[in-house]
Amino acid sequence: MQRRGLYLRFDFCPCPMLAKVDRLETNTWCQCTTGYSKVLFEKAFACTVDVELLKSIKMGHDICLMKIILHNPLWQ
């Protein structure tokens, strides 16, 4: 089984719940966005997906970056 990865990048925080928050102590809120992205990519590619948060603006990075790992997508 070969695992394929995509990257989802935002130059802004995509979470409307955190619009007025400058910085977070943990990435717990960011996991909501990873879960939302997981559902979207699973529907789009009709396969199981893992999402790994790599960077978060609210955690002090300059971008939000997630790695999307597709497991057995239909388009292999």
C-alpha atoms as a PDB file:
ATOM      1  CA  MET A   1       0.000   0.000   0.000  1.00  0.00           C
ATOM      2  CA  GLN A   2       1.512   3.290  -1.106  1.00  0.00           C
ATOM      3  CA  ARG A   3       0.653   6.442   0.853  1.00  0.00           C
ATOM      4  CA  ARG A   4       0.373   9.703  -1.041  1.00  0.00           C
ATOM      5  CA  GLY A   5       0.622  13.100   0.542  1.00  0.00           C
ATOM      6  CA  LEU A   6      -0.749  16.497  -0.350  1.00  0.00           C
ATOM      7  CA  TYR A   7      -0.210  19.736   1.508  1.00  0.00           C
ATOM      8  CA  LEU A   8      -2.892  22.236   2.459  1.00  0.00           C
ATOM      9  CA  ARG A   9      -1.510  25.713   3.144  1.00  0.00           C
ATOM     10  CA  PHE A  10      -3.184  28.852   4.414  1.00  0.00           C
ATOM     11  CA  ASP A  11      -1.504  32.258   4.645  1.00  0.00           C
ATOM     12  CA  PHE A  12      -4.162  33.173   7.221  1.00  0.00           C
ATOM     13  CA  CYS A  13      -5.862  31.304  10.038  1.00  0.00           C
ATOM     14  CA  PRO A  14      -8.885  29.585   8.443  1.00  0.00           C
ATOM     15  CA  CYS A  15     -10.725  29.226  11.755  1.00  0.00           C
ATOM     16  CA  PRO A  16     -13.443  31.863  12.256  1.00  0.00           C
ATOM     17  CA  MET A  17     -13.626  30.966  15.963  1.00  0.00           C
ATOM     18  CA  LEU A  18     -10.091  32.312  16.448  1.00  0.00           C
ATOM     19  CA  ALA A  19     -10.434  35.558  14.492  1.00  0.00           C
ATOM     20  CA  LYS A  20      -9.856  37.691  17.605  1.00  0.00           C
ATOM     21  CA  VAL A  21      -7.167  35.461  19.139  1.00  0.00           C
ATOM     22  CA  ASP A  22      -3.548  36.459  18.591  1.00  0.00           C
ATOM     23  CA  ARG A  23      -1.803  33.348  19.902  1.00  0.00           C
ATOM     24  CA  LEU A  24      -2.649  29.988  21.450  1.00  0.00           C
ATOM     25  CA  GLU A  25      -0.723  28.025  24.082  1.00  0.00           C
ATOM     26  CA  THR A  26      -1.646  24.653  22.500  1.00  0.00           C
ATOM     27  CA  ASN A  27      -2.840  23.546  19.064  1.00  0.00           C
ATOM     28  CA  THR A  28      -6.085  22.044  20.408  1.00  0.00           C
ATOM     29  CA  TRP A  29      -8.283  24.520  18.513  1.00  0.00           C
ATOM     30  CA  CYS A  30      -6.299  23.847  15.338  1.00  0.00           C
ATOM     31  CA  GLN A  31      -7.292  20.188  15.517  1.00  0.00           C
ATOM     32  CA  CYS A  32     -10.834  21.260  14.636  1.00  0.00           C
ATOM     33  CA  THR A  33      -9.528  22.498  11.277  1.00  0.00           C
ATOM     34  CA  THR A  34      -7.604  19.259  10.720  1.00  0.00           C
ATOM     35  CA  GLY A  35     -10.790  17.272  11.389  1.00  0.00           C
ATOM     36  CA  TYR A  36     -12.787  19.442   9.011  1.00  0.00           C
ATOM     37  CA  SER A  37     -10.086  19.024   6.340  1.00  0.00           C
ATOM     38  CA  LYS A  38     -10.103  15.245   6.893  1.00  0.00           C
ATOM     39  CA  VAL A  39     -13.821  15.029   6.105  1.00  0.00           C
ATOM     40  CA  LEU A  40     -13.484  17.215   3.004  1.00  0.00           C
ATOM     41  CA  PHE A  41     -10.578  15.225   1.560  1.00  0.00           C
ATOM     42  CA  GLU A  42     -12.196  11.863   2.367  1.00  0.00           C
ATOM     43  CA  LYS A  43     -15.299  12.939   0.435  1.00  0.00           C
ATOM     44  CA  ALA A  44     -13.298  14.412  -2.446  1.00  0.00           C
ATOM     45  CA  PHE A  45     -11.011  11.396  -2.923  1.00  0.00           C
ATOM     46  CA  ALA A  46     -13.350   8.630  -1.674  1.00  0.00           C
ATOM     47  CA  CYS A  47     -10.718   7.137   0.608  1.00  0.00           C
ATOM     48  CA  THR A  48      -9.489   7.199   4.189  1.00  0.00           C
ATOM     49  CA  VAL A  49      -7.374  10.263   4.987  1.00  0.00           C
ATOM     50  CA  ASP A  50      -5.012  11.276   7.773  1.00  0.00           C
ATOM     51  CA  VAL A  51      -4.291  14.947   8.397  1.00  0.00           C
ATOM     52  CA  GLU A  52      -1.171  16.086  10.220  1.00  0.00           C
ATOM     53  CA  LEU A  53      -0.873  19.670  11.443  1.00  0.00           C
ATOM     54  CA  LEU A  54       2.653  20.858  10.651  1.00  0.00           C
ATOM     55  CA  LYS A  55       2.418  24.613  11.280  1.00  0.00           C
ATOM     56  CA  SER A  56      -0.119  26.992  12.782  1.00  0.00           C
ATOM     57  CA  ILE A  57      -0.268  30.773  12.621  1.00  0.00           C
ATOM     58  CA  LYS A  58      -1.890  30.861  16.059  1.00  0.00           C
ATOM     59  CA  MET A  59       1.064  28.883  17.410  1.00  0.00           C
ATOM     60  CA  GLY A  60       3.548  31.450  16.091  1.00  0.00           C
ATOM     61  CA  HIS A  61       4.304  30.189  12.563  1.00  0.00           C
ATOM     62  CA  ASP A  62       3.964  32.382   9.473  1.00  0.00           C
ATOM     63  CA  ILE A  63       1.507  29.955   7.805  1.00  0.00           C
ATOM     64  CA  CYS A  64      -0.922  27.157   8.622  1.00  0.00           C
ATOM     65  CA  LEU A  65       0.259  23.938   6.989  1.00  0.00           C
ATOM     66  CA  MET A  66      -1.280  20.471   7.029  1.00  0.00           C
ATOM     67  CA  LYS A  67      -0.091  17.268   5.400  1.00  0.00           C
ATOM     68  CA  ILE A  68      -2.943  15.279   3.864  1.00  0.00           C
ATOM     69  CA  ILE A  69      -2.188  11.550   3.568  1.00  0.00           C
ATOM     70  CA  LEU A  70      -4.485   9.619   1.238  1.00  0.00           C
ATOM     71  CA  HIS A  71      -4.891   5.876   1.801  1.00  0.00           C
ATOM     72  CA  ASN A  72      -5.797   3.952  -1.369  1.00  0.00           C
ATOM     73  CA  PRO A  73      -7.422   6.745  -3.376  1.00  0.00           C
ATOM     74  CA  LEU A  74      -9.554   5.666  -6.321  1.00  0.00           C
ATOM     75  CA  TRP A  75      -7.366   7.482  -8.860  1.00  0.00           C
ATOM     76  CA  GLN A  76      -4.239   5.349  -8.293  1.00  0.00           C
END
